[in-house]
Amino acid sequence: MAHELPALPYPYDALEPNIDAQTMKLHHDLHHKSYVDGLNKAEQKLTEARQSGDLALVKHWERECAFHGSGHFLHCAFWTNMAPANAGCGGAPTGEIAKKIGSDFGNWEGCKKQFTAAATTVEGSGWCILCYRPMDDKLTILTAEKHQNLTQWGVIPLLCLDVWEHAYYLKYQNRRPEYVNNWWNVVNWKDVNNRYHKAKG
């Protein structure tokens, strides 16, 4: 079955003034859609290569799968990791994830400062991600350039922040720190808690 672009869980303007409606529309409808299309194409080409026995371009199409697949899956989390500020989102975390952050990072403020610093210093385009690492039952903060680079095997993304320029440039231009600081206002901790619960099994 082909991958599909998921619908946004809220209107384009729902995250105003933190993230503007025009950016949300372009980001979701065009940028995310391109990752879905790219992943479908790469998987189809790999299917054709296996059937024909011509695997000369397997490295190329595997790279395309990694790039577009990572873009697709991270964006799916990114949209639901956010919700309108008037829906009780933003602020300090609540629930089980709040306890886990306190245990693994010392306190919420320390975690937030580390995540914010990491997000504002990702080189070029990429992501900052709060992940759960089942191997040692720990939370960790990772950055990923070009979606698939500088990651760790075995981690499960819980909270994803897109810091590619297409995520903020219309409103914030080159002021990425301002974008990151305002993004905290729309973090959907209920979704993060749900992801943590599923990751823990």
N, C-alpha and C. Protein backbone atom coordinates (compact mmCIF):
# COMPACT_ATOMS: atom_id res chain seq x y z
N MET A 1 0.84 -1.19 0.00
CA MET A 1 0.00 0.00 0.00
C MET A 1 0.88 1.25 0.00
N ALA A 2 0.55 2.20 -0.84
CA ALA A 2 1.34 3.42 -0.94
C ALA A 2 1.16 4.27 0.32
N HIS A 3 2.21 5.00 0.67
CA HIS A 3 2.14 5.94 1.78
C HIS A 3 1.27 7.12 1.37
N GLU A 4 0.55 7.69 2.34
CA GLU A 4 -0.34 8.81 2.06
C GLU A 4 -0.02 9.98 2.98
N LEU A 5 -0.29 11.19 2.48
CA LEU A 5 -0.12 12.40 3.28
C LEU A 5 -1.25 12.47 4.30
N PRO A 6 -0.94 12.48 5.60
CA PRO A 6 -2.01 12.57 6.60
C PRO A 6 -2.59 13.98 6.64
N ALA A 7 -3.85 14.07 6.96
CA ALA A 7 -4.47 15.39 7.11
C ALA A 7 -3.94 16.06 8.37
N LEU A 8 -3.83 17.40 8.33
CA LEU A 8 -3.48 18.12 9.55
C LEU A 8 -4.58 17.92 10.59
N PRO A 9 -4.23 17.80 11.85
CA PRO A 9 -5.26 17.59 12.88
C PRO A 9 -5.92 18.88 13.35
N TYR A 10 -5.67 19.99 12.66
CA TYR A 10 -6.23 21.29 13.01
C TYR A 10 -6.15 22.18 11.77
N PRO A 11 -6.87 23.31 11.74
CA PRO A 11 -6.81 24.22 10.58
C PRO A 11 -5.41 24.83 10.42
N TYR A 12 -5.12 25.32 9.22
CA TYR A 12 -3.80 25.91 8.95
C TYR A 12 -3.46 27.04 9.91
N ASP A 13 -4.46 27.81 10.32
CA ASP A 13 -4.19 28.98 11.16
C ASP A 13 -4.29 28.68 12.65
N ALA A 14 -4.41 27.43 13.02
CA ALA A 14 -4.66 27.08 14.42
C ALA A 14 -3.48 27.39 15.34
N LEU A 15 -2.28 27.47 14.79
CA LEU A 15 -1.09 27.68 15.62
C LEU A 15 -0.64 29.14 15.63
N GLU A 16 -1.43 30.02 15.00
CA GLU A 16 -1.12 31.45 15.04
C GLU A 16 -1.15 31.93 16.49
N PRO A 17 -0.35 32.92 16.87
CA PRO A 17 0.65 33.63 16.06
C PRO A 17 2.02 32.95 16.07
N ASN A 18 2.11 31.79 16.69
CA ASN A 18 3.42 31.14 16.84
C ASN A 18 3.94 30.60 15.51
N ILE A 19 3.05 29.98 14.74
CA ILE A 19 3.39 29.51 13.39
C ILE A 19 2.26 29.97 12.47
N ASP A 20 2.62 30.67 11.41
CA ASP A 20 1.61 31.30 10.57
C ASP A 20 0.94 30.31 9.62
N ALA A 21 -0.27 30.67 9.19
CA ALA A 21 -1.09 29.79 8.36
C ALA A 21 -0.45 29.50 7.01
N GLN A 22 0.17 30.51 6.39
CA GLN A 22 0.77 30.30 5.07
C GLN A 22 1.91 29.29 5.13
N THR A 23 2.72 29.41 6.18
CA THR A 23 3.81 28.44 6.35
C THR A 23 3.25 27.04 6.56
N MET A 24 2.21 26.91 7.38
CA MET A 24 1.63 25.60 7.63
C MET A 24 1.09 24.98 6.35
N LYS A 25 0.44 25.78 5.53
CA LYS A 25 -0.13 25.26 4.28
C LYS A 25 0.97 24.79 3.33
N LEU A 26 1.98 25.62 3.13
CA LEU A 26 3.09 25.25 2.24
C LEU A 26 3.86 24.06 2.80
N HIS A 27 4.10 24.09 4.10
CA HIS A 27 4.89 23.05 4.74
C HIS A 27 4.20 21.69 4.63
N HIS A 28 2.92 21.66 4.96
CA HIS A 28 2.17 20.40 4.91
C HIS A 28 1.86 19.97 3.49
N ASP A 29 1.24 20.85 2.73
CA ASP A 29 0.70 20.47 1.41
C ASP A 29 1.77 20.25 0.36
N LEU A 30 2.89 20.96 0.46
CA LEU A 30 3.93 20.84 -0.57
C LEU A 30 5.15 20.08 -0.05
N HIS A 31 5.74 20.55 1.04
CA HIS A 31 6.99 19.93 1.50
C HIS A 31 6.76 18.50 1.99
N HIS A 32 5.80 18.32 2.88
CA HIS A 32 5.56 16.96 3.37
C HIS A 32 5.09 16.07 2.23
N LYS A 33 4.25 16.58 1.37
CA LYS A 33 3.77 15.79 0.22
C LYS A 33 4.94 15.32 -0.64
N SER A 34 5.96 16.14 -0.80
CA SER A 34 7.10 15.74 -1.63
C SER A 34 7.84 14.55 -1.01
N TYR A 35 7.89 14.47 0.33
CA TYR A 35 8.52 13.32 0.98
C TYR A 35 7.69 12.05 0.78
N VAL A 36 6.38 12.19 0.86
CA VAL A 36 5.50 11.04 0.63
C VAL A 36 5.68 10.53 -0.79
N ASP A 37 5.66 11.45 -1.76
CA ASP A 37 5.84 11.05 -3.16
C ASP A 37 7.20 10.43 -3.40
N GLY A 38 8.23 11.02 -2.80
CA GLY A 38 9.59 10.49 -2.97
C GLY A 38 9.75 9.11 -2.38
N LEU A 39 9.14 8.87 -1.23
CA LEU A 39 9.22 7.56 -0.60
C LEU A 39 8.49 6.52 -1.43
N ASN A 40 7.30 6.86 -1.91
CA ASN A 40 6.55 5.93 -2.75
C ASN A 40 7.32 5.58 -4.02
N LYS A 41 7.93 6.59 -4.63
CA LYS A 41 8.69 6.34 -5.86
C LYS A 41 9.89 5.43 -5.58
N ALA A 42 10.62 5.71 -4.50
CA ALA A 42 11.80 4.91 -4.19
C ALA A 42 11.43 3.47 -3.90
N GLU A 43 10.35 3.26 -3.14
CA GLU A 43 9.94 1.89 -2.83
C GLU A 43 9.46 1.16 -4.08
N GLN A 44 8.81 1.88 -4.98
CA GLN A 44 8.37 1.27 -6.23
C GLN A 44 9.57 0.88 -7.10
N LYS A 45 10.57 1.75 -7.15
CA LYS A 45 11.77 1.46 -7.94
C LYS A 45 12.52 0.25 -7.37
N LEU A 46 12.55 0.12 -6.06
CA LEU A 46 13.20 -1.04 -5.45
C LEU A 46 12.43 -2.32 -5.74
N THR A 47 11.10 -2.22 -5.75
CA THR A 47 10.28 -3.38 -6.11
C THR A 47 10.57 -3.82 -7.54
N GLU A 48 10.63 -2.84 -8.45
CA GLU A 48 10.92 -3.13 -9.85
C GLU A 48 12.32 -3.73 -10.01
N ALA A 49 13.28 -3.22 -9.23
CA ALA A 49 14.65 -3.74 -9.31
C ALA A 49 14.72 -5.19 -8.86
N ARG A 50 14.01 -5.53 -7.79
CA ARG A 50 14.00 -6.91 -7.32
C ARG A 50 13.36 -7.84 -8.34
N GLN A 51 12.30 -7.36 -8.97
CA GLN A 51 11.59 -8.19 -9.94
C GLN A 51 12.40 -8.41 -11.21
N SER A 52 13.14 -7.38 -11.63
CA SER A 52 13.91 -7.49 -12.87
C SER A 52 15.30 -8.08 -12.65
N GLY A 53 15.77 -8.00 -11.42
CA GLY A 53 17.12 -8.47 -11.13
C GLY A 53 18.18 -7.43 -11.40
N ASP A 54 17.79 -6.24 -11.87
CA ASP A 54 18.73 -5.15 -12.15
C ASP A 54 18.85 -4.28 -10.91
N LEU A 55 19.87 -4.52 -10.11
CA LEU A 55 20.06 -3.81 -8.85
C LEU A 55 21.19 -2.79 -8.92
N ALA A 56 21.50 -2.32 -10.12
CA ALA A 56 22.60 -1.38 -10.30
C ALA A 56 22.39 -0.08 -9.54
N LEU A 57 21.14 0.34 -9.37
CA LEU A 57 20.85 1.61 -8.71
C LEU A 57 20.32 1.42 -7.29
N VAL A 58 20.57 0.25 -6.71
CA VAL A 58 20.02 -0.02 -5.39
C VAL A 58 20.51 0.98 -4.35
N LYS A 59 21.79 1.40 -4.41
CA LYS A 59 22.30 2.36 -3.43
C LYS A 59 21.56 3.68 -3.52
N HIS A 60 21.30 4.13 -4.74
CA HIS A 60 20.57 5.39 -4.94
C HIS A 60 19.17 5.31 -4.36
N TRP A 61 18.44 4.25 -4.67
CA TRP A 61 17.05 4.17 -4.23
C TRP A 61 16.95 3.89 -2.73
N GLU A 62 17.94 3.20 -2.15
CA GLU A 62 17.96 3.03 -0.70
C GLU A 62 18.18 4.37 0.00
N ARG A 63 19.06 5.20 -0.57
CA ARG A 63 19.27 6.54 -0.01
C ARG A 63 18.01 7.37 -0.11
N GLU A 64 17.31 7.27 -1.23
CA GLU A 64 16.06 7.99 -1.41
C GLU A 64 15.02 7.53 -0.38
N CYS A 65 14.99 6.23 -0.11
CA CYS A 65 14.08 5.72 0.93
C CYS A 65 14.42 6.31 2.29
N ALA A 66 15.70 6.36 2.61
CA ALA A 66 16.11 6.89 3.91
C ALA A 66 15.75 8.36 4.03
N PHE A 67 16.04 9.13 2.99
CA PHE A 67 15.79 10.57 3.05
C PHE A 67 14.30 10.89 3.09
N HIS A 68 13.56 10.38 2.12
CA HIS A 68 12.13 10.69 2.05
C HIS A 68 11.34 10.00 3.16
N GLY A 69 11.73 8.78 3.50
CA GLY A 69 11.03 8.08 4.57
C GLY A 69 11.21 8.77 5.90
N SER A 70 12.44 9.20 6.21
CA SER A 70 12.67 9.93 7.45
C SER A 70 11.88 11.24 7.46
N GLY A 71 11.87 11.94 6.32
CA GLY A 71 11.10 13.18 6.23
C GLY A 71 9.62 12.95 6.46
N HIS A 72 9.08 11.90 5.88
CA HIS A 72 7.66 11.59 6.03
C HIS A 72 7.32 11.24 7.47
N PHE A 73 8.07 10.32 8.07
CA PHE A 73 7.72 9.83 9.40
C PHE A 73 7.91 10.91 10.47
N LEU A 74 8.97 11.72 10.35
CA LEU A 74 9.17 12.79 11.32
C LEU A 74 8.10 13.86 11.21
N HIS A 75 7.69 14.18 9.97
CA HIS A 75 6.62 15.17 9.82
C HIS A 75 5.30 14.66 10.40
N CYS A 76 5.02 13.38 10.25
CA CYS A 76 3.79 12.83 10.83
C CYS A 76 3.76 13.07 12.34
N ALA A 77 4.91 12.90 13.00
CA ALA A 77 4.98 13.17 14.43
C ALA A 77 4.92 14.67 14.71
N PHE A 78 5.59 15.46 13.89
CA PHE A 78 5.66 16.91 14.09
C PHE A 78 4.27 17.54 14.15
N TRP A 79 3.39 17.15 13.22
CA TRP A 79 2.05 17.76 13.19
C TRP A 79 1.28 17.46 14.47
N THR A 80 1.32 16.24 14.95
CA THR A 80 0.54 15.89 16.13
C THR A 80 1.24 16.28 17.43
N ASN A 81 2.55 16.55 17.37
CA ASN A 81 3.28 17.06 18.52
C ASN A 81 2.87 18.49 18.87
N MET A 82 2.07 19.11 17.98
CA MET A 82 1.63 20.49 18.21
C MET A 82 0.11 20.55 18.26
N ALA A 83 -0.39 21.56 18.92
CA ALA A 83 -1.83 21.82 18.98
C ALA A 83 -2.02 23.28 19.35
N PRO A 84 -3.20 23.83 19.11
CA PRO A 84 -3.43 25.24 19.45
C PRO A 84 -3.13 25.53 20.92
N ALA A 85 -2.54 26.68 21.15
CA ALA A 85 -2.17 27.05 22.52
C ALA A 85 -3.39 27.13 23.42
N ASN A 86 -4.56 27.49 22.85
CA ASN A 86 -5.76 27.59 23.68
C ASN A 86 -6.37 26.22 23.99
N ALA A 87 -5.72 25.15 23.52
CA ALA A 87 -6.20 23.79 23.80
C ALA A 87 -5.46 23.19 24.99
N GLY A 88 -4.83 24.04 25.76
CA GLY A 88 -4.12 23.57 26.94
C GLY A 88 -2.72 23.07 26.65
N CYS A 89 -2.17 23.47 25.51
CA CYS A 89 -0.83 23.02 25.13
C CYS A 89 0.22 24.05 25.52
N GLY A 90 1.46 23.72 25.29
CA GLY A 90 2.54 24.59 25.67
C GLY A 90 2.84 24.47 27.16
N GLY A 91 3.74 25.31 27.61
CA GLY A 91 4.10 25.28 29.03
C GLY A 91 4.92 24.06 29.40
N ALA A 92 4.94 23.76 30.68
CA ALA A 92 5.72 22.62 31.17
C ALA A 92 5.01 21.31 30.87
N PRO A 93 5.77 20.24 30.71
CA PRO A 93 5.15 18.93 30.45
C PRO A 93 4.33 18.45 31.64
N THR A 94 3.41 17.55 31.36
CA THR A 94 2.55 16.97 32.39
C THR A 94 2.61 15.45 32.27
N GLY A 95 2.03 14.75 33.21
CA GLY A 95 1.90 13.30 33.11
C GLY A 95 3.21 12.56 33.29
N GLU A 96 3.23 11.34 32.74
CA GLU A 96 4.39 10.46 32.91
C GLU A 96 5.65 11.02 32.27
N ILE A 97 5.50 11.74 31.16
CA ILE A 97 6.70 12.27 30.49
C ILE A 97 7.36 13.34 31.36
N ALA A 98 6.57 14.07 32.13
CA ALA A 98 7.14 15.07 33.04
C ALA A 98 8.00 14.39 34.11
N LYS A 99 7.52 13.27 34.65
CA LYS A 99 8.29 12.53 35.65
C LYS A 99 9.58 11.98 35.05
N LYS A 100 9.47 11.48 33.81
CA LYS A 100 10.64 10.89 33.16
C LYS A 100 11.68 11.96 32.83
N ILE A 101 11.22 13.11 32.39
CA ILE A 101 12.14 14.22 32.11
C ILE A 101 12.86 14.63 33.39
N GLY A 102 12.12 14.73 34.49
CA GLY A 102 12.75 15.07 35.76
C GLY A 102 13.78 14.06 36.19
N SER A 103 13.49 12.78 35.95
CA SER A 103 14.41 11.71 36.33
C SER A 103 15.67 11.71 35.48
N ASP A 104 15.51 11.89 34.15
CA ASP A 104 16.64 11.73 33.23
C ASP A 104 17.43 13.01 32.98
N PHE A 105 16.80 14.17 33.17
CA PHE A 105 17.48 15.44 32.90
C PHE A 105 17.68 16.29 34.16
N GLY A 106 17.16 15.84 35.27
CA GLY A 106 17.29 16.61 36.50
C GLY A 106 16.08 17.47 36.76
N ASN A 107 15.65 18.19 35.75
CA ASN A 107 14.45 19.03 35.85
C ASN A 107 14.03 19.45 34.45
N TRP A 108 12.81 19.99 34.35
CA TRP A 108 12.27 20.39 33.06
C TRP A 108 13.06 21.55 32.45
N GLU A 109 13.45 22.52 33.26
CA GLU A 109 14.15 23.68 32.71
C GLU A 109 15.48 23.28 32.06
N GLY A 110 16.18 22.34 32.68
CA GLY A 110 17.44 21.88 32.10
C GLY A 110 17.22 21.18 30.78
N CYS A 111 16.17 20.36 30.71
CA CYS A 111 15.83 19.66 29.46
C CYS A 111 15.46 20.66 28.38
N LYS A 112 14.63 21.64 28.74
CA LYS A 112 14.20 22.64 27.76
C LYS A 112 15.37 23.45 27.23
N LYS A 113 16.28 23.84 28.11
CA LYS A 113 17.45 24.62 27.69
C LYS A 113 18.33 23.81 26.75
N GLN A 114 18.53 22.52 27.08
CA GLN A 114 19.36 21.69 26.21
C GLN A 114 18.70 21.51 24.84
N PHE A 115 17.40 21.20 24.83
CA PHE A 115 16.68 21.01 23.57
C PHE A 115 16.71 22.28 22.74
N THR A 116 16.45 23.42 23.36
CA THR A 116 16.44 24.70 22.64
C THR A 116 17.81 25.00 22.05
N ALA A 117 18.86 24.79 22.83
CA ALA A 117 20.22 25.03 22.33
C ALA A 117 20.55 24.11 21.17
N ALA A 118 20.15 22.84 21.29
CA ALA A 118 20.41 21.90 20.21
C ALA A 118 19.66 22.29 18.95
N ALA A 119 18.39 22.68 19.11
CA ALA A 119 17.56 23.03 17.96
C ALA A 119 18.08 24.27 17.22
N THR A 120 18.59 25.23 17.97
CA THR A 120 19.04 26.47 17.33
C THR A 120 20.42 26.34 16.70
N THR A 121 21.12 25.25 16.99
CA THR A 121 22.48 25.10 16.46
C THR A 121 22.63 23.94 15.48
N VAL A 122 21.53 23.30 15.08
CA VAL A 122 21.63 22.28 14.03
C VAL A 122 22.21 22.93 12.78
N GLU A 123 23.26 22.36 12.24
CA GLU A 123 23.88 22.94 11.05
C GLU A 123 23.03 22.67 9.83
N GLY A 124 22.79 23.73 9.04
CA GLY A 124 21.99 23.58 7.83
C GLY A 124 20.56 23.25 8.18
N SER A 125 20.03 22.25 7.53
CA SER A 125 18.63 21.86 7.71
C SER A 125 18.55 20.58 8.53
N GLY A 126 17.53 20.48 9.35
CA GLY A 126 17.41 19.26 10.13
C GLY A 126 16.34 19.34 11.19
N TRP A 127 16.52 18.55 12.24
CA TRP A 127 15.53 18.38 13.29
C TRP A 127 16.20 18.32 14.65
N CYS A 128 15.42 18.63 15.69
CA CYS A 128 15.81 18.33 17.06
C CYS A 128 14.72 17.42 17.62
N ILE A 129 15.11 16.35 18.29
CA ILE A 129 14.16 15.31 18.66
C ILE A 129 14.41 14.83 20.09
N LEU A 130 13.36 14.83 20.90
CA LEU A 130 13.40 14.16 22.19
C LEU A 130 13.00 12.71 21.95
N CYS A 131 13.89 11.79 22.29
CA CYS A 131 13.68 10.37 21.98
C CYS A 131 13.68 9.53 23.24
N TYR A 132 13.02 8.39 23.12
CA TYR A 132 13.09 7.36 24.16
C TYR A 132 14.00 6.24 23.67
N ARG A 133 14.96 5.83 24.52
CA ARG A 133 15.92 4.78 24.17
C ARG A 133 15.60 3.55 25.00
N PRO A 134 14.91 2.56 24.40
CA PRO A 134 14.50 1.37 25.16
C PRO A 134 15.66 0.59 25.76
N MET A 135 16.82 0.62 25.11
CA MET A 135 17.94 -0.19 25.57
C MET A 135 18.29 0.06 27.03
N ASP A 136 18.25 1.33 27.43
CA ASP A 136 18.57 1.64 28.83
C ASP A 136 17.48 2.45 29.52
N ASP A 137 16.28 2.49 28.91
CA ASP A 137 15.13 3.16 29.52
C ASP A 137 15.44 4.62 29.82
N LYS A 138 16.02 5.32 28.83
CA LYS A 138 16.39 6.72 29.02
C LYS A 138 15.82 7.59 27.91
N LEU A 139 15.58 8.85 28.27
CA LEU A 139 15.27 9.87 27.27
C LEU A 139 16.58 10.50 26.82
N THR A 140 16.65 10.88 25.56
CA THR A 140 17.83 11.56 25.03
C THR A 140 17.40 12.58 24.01
N ILE A 141 18.19 13.61 23.82
CA ILE A 141 17.92 14.65 22.83
C ILE A 141 18.93 14.49 21.71
N LEU A 142 18.42 14.37 20.50
CA LEU A 142 19.28 14.19 19.32
C LEU A 142 18.98 15.25 18.27
N THR A 143 19.97 15.55 17.46
CA THR A 143 19.74 16.36 16.27
C THR A 143 19.94 15.49 15.04
N ALA A 144 19.28 15.84 13.96
CA ALA A 144 19.39 15.06 12.73
C ALA A 144 19.49 16.02 11.56
N GLU A 145 20.62 16.02 10.88
CA GLU A 145 20.77 16.82 9.68
C GLU A 145 20.22 16.02 8.49
N LYS A 146 19.50 16.67 7.62
CA LYS A 146 18.92 16.01 6.44
C LYS A 146 18.09 14.79 6.86
N HIS A 147 17.35 14.89 7.93
CA HIS A 147 16.47 13.85 8.45
C HIS A 147 17.21 12.63 8.99
N GLN A 148 18.04 12.02 8.14
CA GLN A 148 18.54 10.69 8.46
C GLN A 148 19.94 10.68 9.03
N ASN A 149 20.60 11.81 9.12
CA ASN A 149 21.98 11.84 9.59
C ASN A 149 22.07 12.16 11.09
N LEU A 150 23.14 11.73 11.71
CA LEU A 150 23.44 11.99 13.12
C LEU A 150 22.38 11.44 14.07
N THR A 151 21.77 10.32 13.71
CA THR A 151 20.76 9.70 14.55
C THR A 151 21.37 8.51 15.29
N GLN A 152 20.58 7.86 16.13
CA GLN A 152 21.00 6.64 16.83
C GLN A 152 20.04 5.52 16.49
N TRP A 153 20.55 4.34 16.30
CA TRP A 153 19.70 3.18 16.09
C TRP A 153 18.94 2.85 17.36
N GLY A 154 17.70 2.47 17.22
CA GLY A 154 16.94 1.95 18.34
C GLY A 154 16.17 2.97 19.15
N VAL A 155 16.32 4.27 18.85
CA VAL A 155 15.56 5.26 19.61
C VAL A 155 14.18 5.46 18.99
N ILE A 156 13.24 5.95 19.79
CA ILE A 156 11.88 6.19 19.34
C ILE A 156 11.58 7.68 19.51
N PRO A 157 11.35 8.41 18.42
CA PRO A 157 11.07 9.85 18.55
C PRO A 157 9.77 10.10 19.31
N LEU A 158 9.81 11.03 20.25
CA LEU A 158 8.64 11.41 21.02
C LEU A 158 8.19 12.84 20.71
N LEU A 159 9.15 13.76 20.60
CA LEU A 159 8.87 15.17 20.36
C LEU A 159 9.82 15.67 19.29
N CYS A 160 9.27 16.07 18.15
CA CYS A 160 10.09 16.42 16.98
C CYS A 160 9.89 17.89 16.60
N LEU A 161 10.98 18.60 16.44
CA LEU A 161 10.94 20.00 16.00
C LEU A 161 11.67 20.12 14.68
N ASP A 162 10.96 20.54 13.66
CA ASP A 162 11.52 20.76 12.33
C ASP A 162 12.22 22.11 12.31
N VAL A 163 13.52 22.14 12.04
CA VAL A 163 14.24 23.40 11.92
C VAL A 163 14.81 23.59 10.52
N TRP A 164 14.23 22.89 9.52
CA TRP A 164 14.51 23.25 8.14
C TRP A 164 13.95 24.66 7.92
N GLU A 165 14.57 25.44 7.07
CA GLU A 165 14.11 26.82 6.89
C GLU A 165 12.67 26.90 6.40
N HIS A 166 12.20 25.90 5.65
CA HIS A 166 10.82 25.97 5.16
C HIS A 166 9.81 25.93 6.30
N ALA A 167 10.24 25.53 7.51
CA ALA A 167 9.33 25.44 8.64
C ALA A 167 9.07 26.80 9.30
N TYR A 168 9.93 27.79 9.01
CA TYR A 168 9.78 29.05 9.75
C TYR A 168 10.15 30.32 8.98
N TYR A 169 10.70 30.20 7.76
CA TYR A 169 11.33 31.36 7.13
C TYR A 169 10.36 32.47 6.73
N LEU A 170 9.13 32.14 6.36
CA LEU A 170 8.19 33.18 5.95
C LEU A 170 7.91 34.17 7.08
N LYS A 171 7.80 33.66 8.30
CA LYS A 171 7.50 34.51 9.45
C LYS A 171 8.75 35.01 10.16
N TYR A 172 9.74 34.12 10.32
CA TYR A 172 10.88 34.45 11.17
C TYR A 172 12.16 34.77 10.41
N GLN A 173 12.16 34.61 9.09
CA GLN A 173 13.37 34.80 8.28
C GLN A 173 14.53 34.00 8.90
N ASN A 174 15.62 34.65 9.24
CA ASN A 174 16.76 33.89 9.77
C ASN A 174 16.78 33.85 11.30
N ARG A 175 15.66 34.18 11.92
CA ARG A 175 15.60 34.25 13.39
C ARG A 175 15.13 32.90 13.94
N ARG A 176 15.92 31.88 13.73
CA ARG A 176 15.54 30.55 14.20
C ARG A 176 15.32 30.49 15.70
N PRO A 177 16.17 31.12 16.53
CA PRO A 177 15.92 31.06 17.98
C PRO A 177 14.53 31.57 18.37
N GLU A 178 14.04 32.60 17.70
CA GLU A 178 12.71 33.12 18.00
C GLU A 178 11.64 32.09 17.66
N TYR A 179 11.81 31.44 16.51
CA TYR A 179 10.89 30.37 16.11
C TYR A 179 10.88 29.24 17.14
N VAL A 180 12.05 28.80 17.57
CA VAL A 180 12.14 27.71 18.53
C VAL A 180 11.48 28.10 19.85
N ASN A 181 11.76 29.29 20.32
CA ASN A 181 11.16 29.74 21.59
C ASN A 181 9.64 29.81 21.50
N ASN A 182 9.10 30.27 20.38
CA ASN A 182 7.65 30.37 20.23
C ASN A 182 7.00 29.01 20.03
N TRP A 183 7.75 28.08 19.43
CA TRP A 183 7.22 26.73 19.20
C TRP A 183 6.84 26.06 20.51
N TRP A 184 7.57 26.34 21.57
CA TRP A 184 7.24 25.74 22.86
C TRP A 184 5.82 26.06 23.30
N ASN A 185 5.24 27.15 22.80
CA ASN A 185 3.88 27.53 23.17
C ASN A 185 2.82 26.59 22.63
N VAL A 186 3.16 25.79 21.62
CA VAL A 186 2.17 24.92 20.99
C VAL A 186 2.51 23.43 21.10
N VAL A 187 3.46 23.09 21.97
CA VAL A 187 3.81 21.68 22.16
C VAL A 187 2.63 20.95 22.80
N ASN A 188 2.27 19.84 22.20
CA ASN A 188 1.12 19.03 22.66
C ASN A 188 1.63 17.91 23.56
N TRP A 189 1.68 18.16 24.86
CA TRP A 189 2.23 17.18 25.78
C TRP A 189 1.37 15.93 25.88
N LYS A 190 0.09 16.05 25.61
CA LYS A 190 -0.77 14.86 25.60
C LYS A 190 -0.28 13.88 24.53
N ASP A 191 0.06 14.40 23.36
CA ASP A 191 0.56 13.54 22.28
C ASP A 191 1.91 12.93 22.66
N VAL A 192 2.79 13.74 23.26
CA VAL A 192 4.10 13.23 23.68
C VAL A 192 3.92 12.12 24.71
N ASN A 193 3.00 12.31 25.65
CA ASN A 193 2.73 11.26 26.64
C ASN A 193 2.21 9.98 25.99
N ASN A 194 1.33 10.13 25.00
CA ASN A 194 0.82 8.96 24.29
C ASN A 194 1.95 8.21 23.59
N ARG A 195 2.85 8.94 22.97
CA ARG A 195 3.98 8.32 22.28
C ARG A 195 4.91 7.62 23.28
N TYR A 196 5.12 8.24 24.42
CA TYR A 196 5.96 7.65 25.45
C TYR A 196 5.33 6.36 25.98
N HIS A 197 4.03 6.38 26.20
CA HIS A 197 3.32 5.20 26.69
C HIS A 197 3.46 4.04 25.69
N LYS A 198 3.29 4.32 24.40
CA LYS A 198 3.42 3.28 23.38
C LYS A 198 4.86 2.78 23.29
N ALA A 199 5.82 3.70 23.41
CA ALA A 199 7.23 3.31 23.32
C ALA A 199 7.61 2.39 24.47
N LYS A 200 7.04 2.66 25.65
CA LYS A 200 7.34 1.83 26.81
C LYS A 200 6.69 0.45 26.70
N GLY A 201 5.64 0.36 25.84
CA GLY A 201 4.95 -0.93 25.65
C GLY A 201 4.08 -1.27 26.83
